[in-house]
């Protein structure tokens, strides 16, 4: 593994992503995801491509938890690149990006959740509201109040109201 990840080239990252996404052996996929995480944690050759690969793997329900585990071990300065998953065309990637950022429980990561509250899909907005409730931050109180009163989705209104109530009860 060291020899492969030491390369960090775009070819290596592509091969690891292919293994992570396509190998039927879950152990091989897990190894490839861990190697992508190692490359992504560094600055330099292949780091950004490895983060992009990890974010893309969030689309696969069978691999997403391993990808999230690799993502949440990344240094905080890598999070803006992770947050690019909030603009991904696939709904599952956007929702799981919210989950990954929320698991950091760091202000730097929490701030990056802001675009999720204005996502076109109500399921992303609901995921963001529930994530904020789990984190217990008051940073989005104004946004949550607006969602609780005006969002077109009943599920989002309920999640926003619950998040506001949960944050108040926690403090």
Protein backbone atom coordinates (compact mmCIF):
# COMPACT_ATOMS: atom_id res chain seq x y z
CA UNK A 1 0.00 0.00 0.00
CA UNK A 2 2.79 2.46 0.82
CA UNK A 3 4.35 2.07 -2.61
CA UNK A 4 1.07 2.75 -4.37
CA UNK A 5 -0.08 5.68 -2.26
CA UNK A 6 3.37 7.22 -2.21
CA UNK A 7 2.95 7.89 -5.90
CA UNK A 8 -0.17 10.02 -5.43
CA UNK A 9 -0.36 10.54 -9.19
CA UNK A 10 -3.64 11.08 -10.94
CA UNK A 11 -3.26 7.62 -12.51
CA UNK A 12 -2.88 6.06 -9.06
CA UNK A 13 -5.92 7.94 -7.77
CA UNK A 14 -7.99 6.81 -10.76
CA UNK A 15 -6.94 3.20 -10.19
CA UNK A 16 -7.76 3.39 -6.50
CA UNK A 17 -11.14 4.97 -7.23
CA UNK A 18 -11.88 2.23 -9.74
CA UNK A 19 -10.95 -0.44 -7.16
CA UNK A 20 -12.95 1.27 -4.43
CA UNK A 21 -16.06 1.57 -6.57
CA UNK A 22 -15.93 -1.61 -8.56
CA UNK A 23 -14.11 -4.41 -6.81
CA UNK A 24 -16.59 -7.03 -5.59
CA UNK A 25 -14.35 -7.80 -2.61
CA UNK A 26 -15.38 -5.34 0.12
CA UNK A 27 -11.96 -5.68 1.72
CA UNK A 28 -10.22 -4.52 -1.46
CA UNK A 29 -12.69 -1.65 -1.74
CA UNK A 30 -12.03 -0.68 1.86
CA UNK A 31 -8.29 -0.79 1.30
CA UNK A 32 -8.62 1.43 -1.79
CA UNK A 33 -10.78 3.93 0.10
CA UNK A 34 -8.24 4.05 2.94
CA UNK A 35 -5.46 4.63 0.41
CA UNK A 36 -7.47 7.46 -1.17
CA UNK A 37 -7.88 8.93 2.31
CA UNK A 38 -4.12 8.78 2.86
CA UNK A 39 -3.47 10.60 -0.40
CA UNK A 40 -6.26 13.13 0.25
CA UNK A 41 -4.83 14.00 3.67
CA UNK A 42 -1.61 15.24 2.11
CA UNK A 43 -1.06 18.33 0.08
CA UNK A 44 0.51 17.84 -3.28
CA UNK A 45 0.14 15.44 -6.15
CA UNK A 46 -3.17 13.67 -6.22
CA UNK A 47 -4.62 15.12 -3.00
CA UNK A 48 -7.43 17.08 -4.64
CA UNK A 49 -8.19 14.23 -7.03
CA UNK A 50 -8.35 11.81 -4.08
CA UNK A 51 -10.85 14.05 -2.28
CA UNK A 52 -12.93 14.27 -5.44
CA UNK A 53 -12.85 10.46 -5.65
CA UNK A 54 -13.92 10.09 -2.01
CA UNK A 55 -16.79 12.52 -2.55
CA UNK A 56 -17.87 10.62 -5.68
CA UNK A 57 -17.86 7.38 -3.68
CA UNK A 58 -20.55 8.88 -1.44
CA UNK A 59 -22.95 7.99 -4.27
CA UNK A 60 -22.51 4.28 -3.57
CA UNK A 61 -24.58 3.21 -0.55
CA UNK A 62 -22.31 0.18 -0.06
CA UNK A 63 -19.13 2.30 0.01
CA UNK A 64 -20.41 5.59 1.41
CA UNK A 65 -19.79 4.83 5.08
CA UNK A 66 -16.17 3.88 4.37
CA UNK A 67 -15.77 7.04 2.27
CA UNK A 68 -17.24 9.17 5.08
CA UNK A 69 -14.85 7.52 7.55
CA UNK A 70 -11.92 8.47 5.31
CA UNK A 71 -13.26 12.00 4.81
CA UNK A 72 -13.70 12.73 8.51
CA UNK A 73 -10.04 11.89 9.11
CA UNK A 74 -8.91 14.60 6.70
CA UNK A 75 -7.29 17.75 8.04
CA UNK A 76 -9.69 20.67 8.44
CA UNK A 77 -7.94 22.65 5.71
CA UNK A 78 -9.11 20.02 3.19
CA UNK A 79 -12.79 20.59 4.02
CA UNK A 80 -13.55 23.28 1.43
CA UNK A 81 -12.75 20.70 -1.24
CA UNK A 82 -14.98 18.15 0.52
CA UNK A 83 -17.77 20.74 0.60
CA UNK A 84 -17.79 20.70 -3.20
CA UNK A 85 -19.94 17.60 -2.72
CA UNK A 86 -22.79 19.95 -1.75
CA UNK A 87 -23.00 20.96 -5.43
CA UNK A 88 -22.79 17.40 -6.79
CA UNK A 89 -25.55 16.45 -9.25
CA UNK A 90 -26.48 13.31 -7.27
CA UNK A 91 -28.79 13.73 -4.31
CA UNK A 92 -27.12 10.99 -2.25
CA UNK A 93 -23.74 12.66 -2.55
CA UNK A 94 -25.11 16.01 -1.38
CA UNK A 95 -26.88 14.43 1.61
CA UNK A 96 -23.87 12.35 2.60
CA UNK A 97 -21.59 15.39 2.23
CA UNK A 98 -23.79 17.14 4.80
CA UNK A 99 -23.42 14.11 7.05
CA UNK A 100 -19.63 14.01 6.64
CA UNK A 101 -19.21 17.72 7.38
CA UNK A 102 -21.51 17.47 10.40
CA UNK A 103 -19.50 14.59 11.85
CA UNK A 104 -16.46 16.84 12.15
CA UNK A 105 -18.17 18.83 14.91
CA UNK A 106 -15.82 21.72 14.21
CA UNK A 107 -16.90 25.30 13.42
CA UNK A 108 -14.85 25.25 10.22
CA UNK A 109 -16.88 22.29 8.97
CA UNK A 110 -20.21 23.52 10.26
CA UNK A 111 -19.89 26.83 8.40
CA UNK A 112 -19.53 24.91 5.16
CA UNK A 113 -23.05 23.49 5.56
CA UNK A 114 -24.69 26.81 4.61
CA UNK A 115 -25.33 25.96 0.91
CA UNK A 116 -27.25 22.82 1.93
CA UNK A 117 -30.03 24.97 3.41
CA UNK A 118 -30.82 26.38 -0.02
CA UNK A 119 -30.49 23.14 -2.00
CA UNK A 120 -33.21 22.58 -4.60
CA UNK A 121 -34.06 19.20 -3.07
CA UNK A 122 -35.96 19.33 0.23
CA UNK A 123 -34.26 16.12 1.39
CA UNK A 124 -30.90 17.92 1.44
CA UNK A 125 -32.38 20.86 3.38
CA UNK A 126 -33.96 18.42 5.84
CA UNK A 127 -30.65 16.55 6.24
CA UNK A 128 -28.91 19.87 6.94
CA UNK A 129 -31.47 20.86 9.58
CA UNK A 130 -31.20 17.50 11.31
CA UNK A 131 -27.39 17.70 11.17
CA UNK A 132 -27.43 21.11 12.83
CA UNK A 133 -29.70 19.71 15.52
CA UNK A 134 -27.21 16.87 16.19
CA UNK A 135 -24.31 19.31 16.31
CA UNK A 136 -26.19 21.65 18.65
CA UNK A 137 -24.99 24.88 17.06
CA UNK A 138 -26.91 28.14 17.06
CA UNK A 139 -25.07 29.39 13.98
CA UNK A 140 -28.03 28.73 11.71
CA UNK A 141 -30.89 29.86 13.97
CA UNK A 142 -32.04 32.58 11.55
CA UNK A 143 -31.91 30.18 8.61
CA UNK A 144 -33.76 27.51 10.57
CA UNK A 145 -36.47 29.98 11.63
CA UNK A 146 -36.98 30.97 8.00
CA UNK A 147 -37.13 27.33 6.89
CA UNK A 148 -39.53 26.45 9.72
CA UNK A 149 -41.95 29.14 8.57
CA UNK A 150 -41.60 29.33 4.80
CA UNK A 151 -40.12 26.16 3.30
CA UNK A 152 -42.36 24.44 0.78
CA UNK A 153 -41.68 21.04 2.31
CA UNK A 154 -43.50 19.99 5.45
CA UNK A 155 -40.58 17.66 6.35
CA UNK A 156 -38.11 20.55 6.12
CA UNK A 157 -40.36 22.84 8.20
CA UNK A 158 -40.66 20.14 10.86
CA UNK A 159 -36.90 19.37 10.88
CA UNK A 160 -36.05 23.08 11.13
CA UNK A 161 -38.50 23.58 14.00
CA UNK A 162 -37.16 20.48 15.76
CA UNK A 163 -33.60 21.71 15.28
CA UNK A 164 -34.48 25.08 16.81
CA UNK A 165 -36.20 23.39 19.75
CA UNK A 166 -33.34 20.92 20.18
CA UNK A 167 -30.69 23.65 20.20
CA UNK A 168 -32.67 25.69 22.74
CA UNK A 169 -33.09 22.65 25.00
CA UNK A 170 -29.38 21.80 24.76
CA UNK A 171 -28.36 25.29 25.88
